Amino acid sequence: MFSKYIATIEGVEVYAIIALIFFFIFFISTFAWAFTRKKDYLKEMENLPLDNNSQNN
């Protein structure tokens, strides 16, 4: 139903390309962030839910 309305808008392809580029950059940067973290930081975050020494308020 909505595809009929979207098809009548001129230049709508640009929005799809911009969205694709935005999400591609977002996921590549998230991937890069995840692989540049130090192992100590990852181990600390991995064990954080199981840490019984901290108190939840």
PDB file of N, CA and C in Angstrom:
ATOM      1  N   MET A   1       0.817  -1.182   0.000  1.00  0.00           N
ATOM      2  CA  MET A   1       0.000   0.000   0.000  1.00  0.00           C
ATOM      3  C   MET A   1       0.871   1.260   0.000  1.00  0.00           C
ATOM      4  N   PHE A   2       1.838   1.316   0.899  1.00  0.00           N
ATOM      5  CA  PHE A   2       2.686   2.499   0.988  1.00  0.00           C
ATOM      6  C   PHE A   2       3.693   2.574  -0.157  1.00  0.00           C
ATOM      7  N   SER A   3       4.003   1.432  -0.762  1.00  0.00           N
ATOM      8  CA  SER A   3       4.978   1.445  -1.856  1.00  0.00           C
ATOM      9  C   SER A   3       4.473   2.253  -3.037  1.00  0.00           C
ATOM     10  N   LYS A   4       3.170   2.323  -3.210  1.00  0.00           N
ATOM     11  CA  LYS A   4       2.595   3.115  -4.299  1.00  0.00           C
ATOM     12  C   LYS A   4       2.865   4.599  -4.068  1.00  0.00           C
ATOM     13  N   TYR A   5       2.743   5.039  -2.818  1.00  0.00           N
ATOM     14  CA  TYR A   5       2.994   6.446  -2.496  1.00  0.00           C
ATOM     15  C   TYR A   5       4.479   6.771  -2.538  1.00  0.00           C
ATOM     16  N   ILE A   6       5.278   5.869  -2.058  1.00  0.00           N
ATOM     17  CA  ILE A   6       6.725   6.098  -2.046  1.00  0.00           C
ATOM     18  C   ILE A   6       7.283   6.126  -3.462  1.00  0.00           C
ATOM     19  N   ALA A   7       6.724   5.316  -4.353  1.00  0.00           N
ATOM     20  CA  ALA A   7       7.196   5.278  -5.736  1.00  0.00           C
ATOM     21  C   ALA A   7       6.925   6.581  -6.464  1.00  0.00           C
ATOM     22  N   THR A   8       5.938   7.355  -6.025  1.00  0.00           N
ATOM     23  CA  THR A   8       5.625   8.611  -6.709  1.00  0.00           C
ATOM     24  C   THR A   8       6.519   9.760  -6.267  1.00  0.00           C
ATOM     25  N   ILE A   9       7.278   9.601  -5.200  1.00  0.00           N
ATOM     26  CA  ILE A   9       8.171  10.660  -4.719  1.00  0.00           C
ATOM     27  C   ILE A   9       9.441  10.641  -5.557  1.00  0.00           C
ATOM     28  N   GLU A  10       9.787  11.806  -6.094  1.00  0.00           N
ATOM     29  CA  GLU A  10      11.009  11.886  -6.895  1.00  0.00           C
ATOM     30  C   GLU A  10      12.222  11.969  -5.983  1.00  0.00           C
ATOM     31  N   GLY A  11      13.261  11.257  -6.337  1.00  0.00           N
ATOM     32  CA  GLY A  11      14.497  11.279  -5.572  1.00  0.00           C
ATOM     33  C   GLY A  11      14.463  10.440  -4.305  1.00  0.00           C
ATOM     34  N   VAL A  12      13.493   9.540  -4.199  1.00  0.00           N
ATOM     35  CA  VAL A  12      13.397   8.718  -2.995  1.00  0.00           C
ATOM     36  C   VAL A  12      14.563   7.736  -2.896  1.00  0.00           C
ATOM     37  N   GLU A  13      15.231   7.453  -4.002  1.00  0.00           N
ATOM     38  CA  GLU A  13      16.366   6.529  -3.983  1.00  0.00           C
ATOM     39  C   GLU A  13      17.507   7.072  -3.129  1.00  0.00           C
ATOM     40  N   VAL A  14      17.610   8.390  -3.070  1.00  0.00           N
ATOM     41  CA  VAL A  14      18.682   9.018  -2.305  1.00  0.00           C
ATOM     42  C   VAL A  14      18.550   8.675  -0.819  1.00  0.00           C
ATOM     43  N   TYR A  15      17.323   8.647  -0.327  1.00  0.00           N
ATOM     44  CA  TYR A  15      17.108   8.317   1.086  1.00  0.00           C
ATOM     45  C   TYR A  15      17.524   6.886   1.388  1.00  0.00           C
ATOM     46  N   ALA A  16      17.266   5.985   0.471  1.00  0.00           N
ATOM     47  CA  ALA A  16      17.671   4.595   0.672  1.00  0.00           C
ATOM     48  C   ALA A  16      19.192   4.470   0.690  1.00  0.00           C
ATOM     49  N   ILE A  17      19.858   5.195  -0.186  1.00  0.00           N
ATOM     50  CA  ILE A  17      21.317   5.153  -0.239  1.00  0.00           C
ATOM     51  C   ILE A  17      21.912   5.764   1.025  1.00  0.00           C
ATOM     52  N   ILE A  18      21.353   6.881   1.473  1.00  0.00           N
ATOM     53  CA  ILE A  18      21.838   7.526   2.694  1.00  0.00           C
ATOM     54  C   ILE A  18      21.637   6.603   3.895  1.00  0.00           C
ATOM     55  N   ALA A  19      20.483   5.957   3.987  1.00  0.00           N
ATOM     56  CA  ALA A  19      20.221   5.041   5.095  1.00  0.00           C
ATOM     57  C   ALA A  19      21.185   3.857   5.052  1.00  0.00           C
ATOM     58  N   LEU A  20      21.438   3.329   3.871  1.00  0.00           N
ATOM     59  CA  LEU A  20      22.368   2.214   3.733  1.00  0.00           C
ATOM     60  C   LEU A  20      23.772   2.615   4.177  1.00  0.00           C
ATOM     61  N   ILE A  21      24.213   3.774   3.740  1.00  0.00           N
ATOM     62  CA  ILE A  21      25.540   4.260   4.119  1.00  0.00           C
ATOM     63  C   ILE A  21      25.614   4.503   5.624  1.00  0.00           C
ATOM     64  N   PHE A  22      24.575   5.097   6.201  1.00  0.00           N
ATOM     65  CA  PHE A  22      24.544   5.360   7.638  1.00  0.00           C
ATOM     66  C   PHE A  22      24.652   4.068   8.435  1.00  0.00           C
ATOM     67  N   PHE A  23      23.845   3.077   8.121  1.00  0.00           N
ATOM     68  CA  PHE A  23      23.875   1.825   8.869  1.00  0.00           C
ATOM     69  C   PHE A  23      25.164   1.049   8.613  1.00  0.00           C
ATOM     70  N   PHE A  24      25.701   1.128   7.413  1.00  0.00           N
ATOM     71  CA  PHE A  24      26.965   0.469   7.117  1.00  0.00           C
ATOM     72  C   PHE A  24      28.077   1.071   7.974  1.00  0.00           C
ATOM     73  N   ILE A  25      28.147   2.390   8.042  1.00  0.00           N
ATOM     74  CA  ILE A  25      29.159   3.057   8.862  1.00  0.00           C
ATOM     75  C   ILE A  25      28.957   2.725  10.336  1.00  0.00           C
ATOM     76  N   PHE A  26      27.709   2.701  10.787  1.00  0.00           N
ATOM     77  CA  PHE A  26      27.420   2.386  12.180  1.00  0.00           C
ATOM     78  C   PHE A  26      27.900   0.984  12.537  1.00  0.00           C
ATOM     79  N   PHE A  27      27.588  -0.006  11.732  1.00  0.00           N
ATOM     80  CA  PHE A  27      27.967  -1.379  12.060  1.00  0.00           C
ATOM     81  C   PHE A  27      29.461  -1.615  11.895  1.00  0.00           C
ATOM     82  N   ILE A  28      30.089  -0.972  10.938  1.00  0.00           N
ATOM     83  CA  ILE A  28      31.542  -1.096  10.796  1.00  0.00           C
ATOM     84  C   ILE A  28      32.239  -0.456  11.994  1.00  0.00           C
ATOM     85  N   SER A  29      31.750   0.707  12.436  1.00  0.00           N
ATOM     86  CA  SER A  29      32.374   1.347  13.596  1.00  0.00           C
ATOM     87  C   SER A  29      32.137   0.537  14.871  1.00  0.00           C
ATOM     88  N   THR A  30      30.960  -0.076  15.013  1.00  0.00           N
ATOM     89  CA  THR A  30      30.700  -0.942  16.167  1.00  0.00           C
ATOM     90  C   THR A  30      31.609  -2.164  16.135  1.00  0.00           C
ATOM     91  N   PHE A  31      31.785  -2.738  14.971  1.00  0.00           N
ATOM     92  CA  PHE A  31      32.678  -3.884  14.795  1.00  0.00           C
ATOM     93  C   PHE A  31      34.113  -3.494  15.143  1.00  0.00           C
ATOM     94  N   ALA A  32      34.557  -2.337  14.673  1.00  0.00           N
ATOM     95  CA  ALA A  32      35.914  -1.874  14.963  1.00  0.00           C
ATOM     96  C   ALA A  32      36.085  -1.593  16.447  1.00  0.00           C
ATOM     97  N   TRP A  33      35.071  -0.988  17.077  1.00  0.00           N
ATOM     98  CA  TRP A  33      35.140  -0.704  18.512  1.00  0.00           C
ATOM     99  C   TRP A  33      35.268  -2.001  19.306  1.00  0.00           C
ATOM    100  N   ALA A  34      34.500  -3.009  18.919  1.00  0.00           N
ATOM    101  CA  ALA A  34      34.507  -4.275  19.650  1.00  0.00           C
ATOM    102  C   ALA A  34      35.862  -4.969  19.543  1.00  0.00           C
ATOM    103  N   PHE A  35      36.514  -4.869  18.410  1.00  0.00           N
ATOM    104  CA  PHE A  35      37.780  -5.565  18.233  1.00  0.00           C
ATOM    105  C   PHE A  35      38.986  -4.763  18.691  1.00  0.00           C
ATOM    106  N   THR A  36      38.790  -3.501  19.062  1.00  0.00           N
ATOM    107  CA  THR A  36      39.919  -2.722  19.570  1.00  0.00           C
ATOM    108  C   THR A  36      39.911  -2.634  21.088  1.00  0.00           C
ATOM    109  N   ARG A  37      38.927  -3.251  21.740  1.00  0.00           N
ATOM    110  CA  ARG A  37      38.888  -3.270  23.204  1.00  0.00           C
ATOM    111  C   ARG A  37      39.965  -4.208  23.723  1.00  0.00           C
ATOM    112  N   LYS A  38      40.509  -3.868  24.856  1.00  0.00           N
ATOM    113  CA  LYS A  38      41.530  -4.712  25.474  1.00  0.00           C
ATOM    114  C   LYS A  38      40.874  -5.947  26.103  1.00  0.00           C
ATOM    115  N   LYS A  39      41.639  -7.016  26.175  1.00  0.00           N
ATOM    116  CA  LYS A  39      41.130  -8.279  26.717  1.00  0.00           C
ATOM    117  C   LYS A  39      40.712  -8.141  28.182  1.00  0.00           C
ATOM    118  N   ASP A  40      41.450  -7.350  28.943  1.00  0.00           N
ATOM    119  CA  ASP A  40      41.103  -7.157  30.357  1.00  0.00           C
ATOM    120  C   ASP A  40      39.726  -6.511  30.498  1.00  0.00           C
ATOM    121  N   TYR A  41      39.455  -5.529  29.678  1.00  0.00           N
ATOM    122  CA  TYR A  41      38.162  -4.848  29.712  1.00  0.00           C
ATOM    123  C   TYR A  41      37.040  -5.818  29.346  1.00  0.00           C
ATOM    124  N   LEU A  42      37.276  -6.641  28.332  1.00  0.00           N
ATOM    125  CA  LEU A  42      36.253  -7.601  27.914  1.00  0.00           C
ATOM    126  C   LEU A  42      35.992  -8.646  28.990  1.00  0.00           C
ATOM    127  N   LYS A  43      37.036  -9.108  29.657  1.00  0.00           N
ATOM    128  CA  LYS A  43      36.860 -10.079  30.748  1.00  0.00           C
ATOM    129  C   LYS A  43      36.083  -9.457  31.904  1.00  0.00           C
ATOM    130  N   GLU A  44      36.379  -8.200  32.215  1.00  0.00           N
ATOM    131  CA  GLU A  44      35.667  -7.516  33.292  1.00  0.00           C
ATOM    132  C   GLU A  44      34.180  -7.368  32.950  1.00  0.00           C
ATOM    133  N   MET A  45      33.877  -6.979  31.735  1.00  0.00           N
ATOM    134  CA  MET A  45      32.483  -6.830  31.320  1.00  0.00           C
ATOM    135  C   MET A  45      31.777  -8.183  31.225  1.00  0.00           C
ATOM    136  N   GLU A  46      32.521  -9.206  30.846  1.00  0.00           N
ATOM    137  CA  GLU A  46      31.954 -10.547  30.737  1.00  0.00           C
ATOM    138  C   GLU A  46      31.504 -11.072  32.095  1.00  0.00           C
ATOM    139  N   ASN A  47      32.290 -10.794  33.133  1.00  0.00           N
ATOM    140  CA  ASN A  47      31.995 -11.306  34.467  1.00  0.00           C
ATOM    141  C   ASN A  47      31.135 -10.372  35.304  1.00  0.00           C
ATOM    142  N   LEU A  48      30.818  -9.215  34.805  1.00  0.00           N
ATOM    143  CA  LEU A  48      30.058  -8.236  35.566  1.00  0.00           C
ATOM    144  C   LEU A  48      28.684  -8.738  36.013  1.00  0.00           C
ATOM    145  N   PRO A  49      27.897  -9.416  35.184  1.00  0.00           N
ATOM    146  CA  PRO A  49      26.599  -9.901  35.665  1.00  0.00           C
ATOM    147  C   PRO A  49      26.711 -10.974  36.738  1.00  0.00           C
ATOM    148  N   LEU A  50      27.830 -11.647  36.804  1.00  0.00           N
ATOM    149  CA  LEU A  50      27.995 -12.740  37.766  1.00  0.00           C
ATOM    150  C   LEU A  50      28.678 -12.292  39.048  1.00  0.00           C
ATOM    151  N   ASP A  51      29.030 -11.024  39.108  1.00  0.00           N
ATOM    152  CA  ASP A  51      29.750 -10.501  40.266  1.00  0.00           C
ATOM    153  C   ASP A  51      28.791 -10.361  41.443  1.00  0.00           C
ATOM    154  N   ASN A  52      29.037 -11.134  42.495  1.00  0.00           N
ATOM    155  CA  ASN A  52      28.168 -11.105  43.677  1.00  0.00           C
ATOM    156  C   ASN A  52      28.611 -10.058  44.691  1.00  0.00           C
ATOM    157  N   ASN A  53      29.762  -9.460  44.485  1.00  0.00           N
ATOM    158  CA  ASN A  53      30.269  -8.481  45.440  1.00  0.00           C
ATOM    159  C   ASN A  53      29.593  -7.123  45.318  1.00  0.00           C
ATOM    160  N   SER A  54      29.064  -6.820  44.174  1.00  0.00           N
ATOM    161  CA  SER A  54      28.407  -5.512  44.011  1.00  0.00           C
ATOM    162  C   SER A  54      26.955  -5.616  44.451  1.00  0.00           C
ATOM    163  N   GLN A  55      26.449  -4.521  44.980  1.00  0.00           N
ATOM    164  CA  GLN A  55      25.064  -4.495  45.462  1.00  0.00           C
ATOM    165  C   GLN A  55      24.219  -3.692  44.484  1.00  0.00           C
ATOM    166  N   ASN A  56      23.051  -4.223  44.202  1.00  0.00           N
ATOM    167  CA  ASN A  56      22.111  -3.524  43.323  1.00  0.00           C
ATOM    168  C   ASN A  56      21.182  -2.671  44.159  1.00  0.00           C
ATOM    169  N   ASN A  57      21.076  -1.399  43.822  1.00  0.00           N
ATOM    170  CA  ASN A  57      20.182  -0.487  44.541  1.00  0.00           C
ATOM    171  C   ASN A  57      19.031  -0.096  43.667  1.00  0.00           C
TER     172      ASN A  57
END
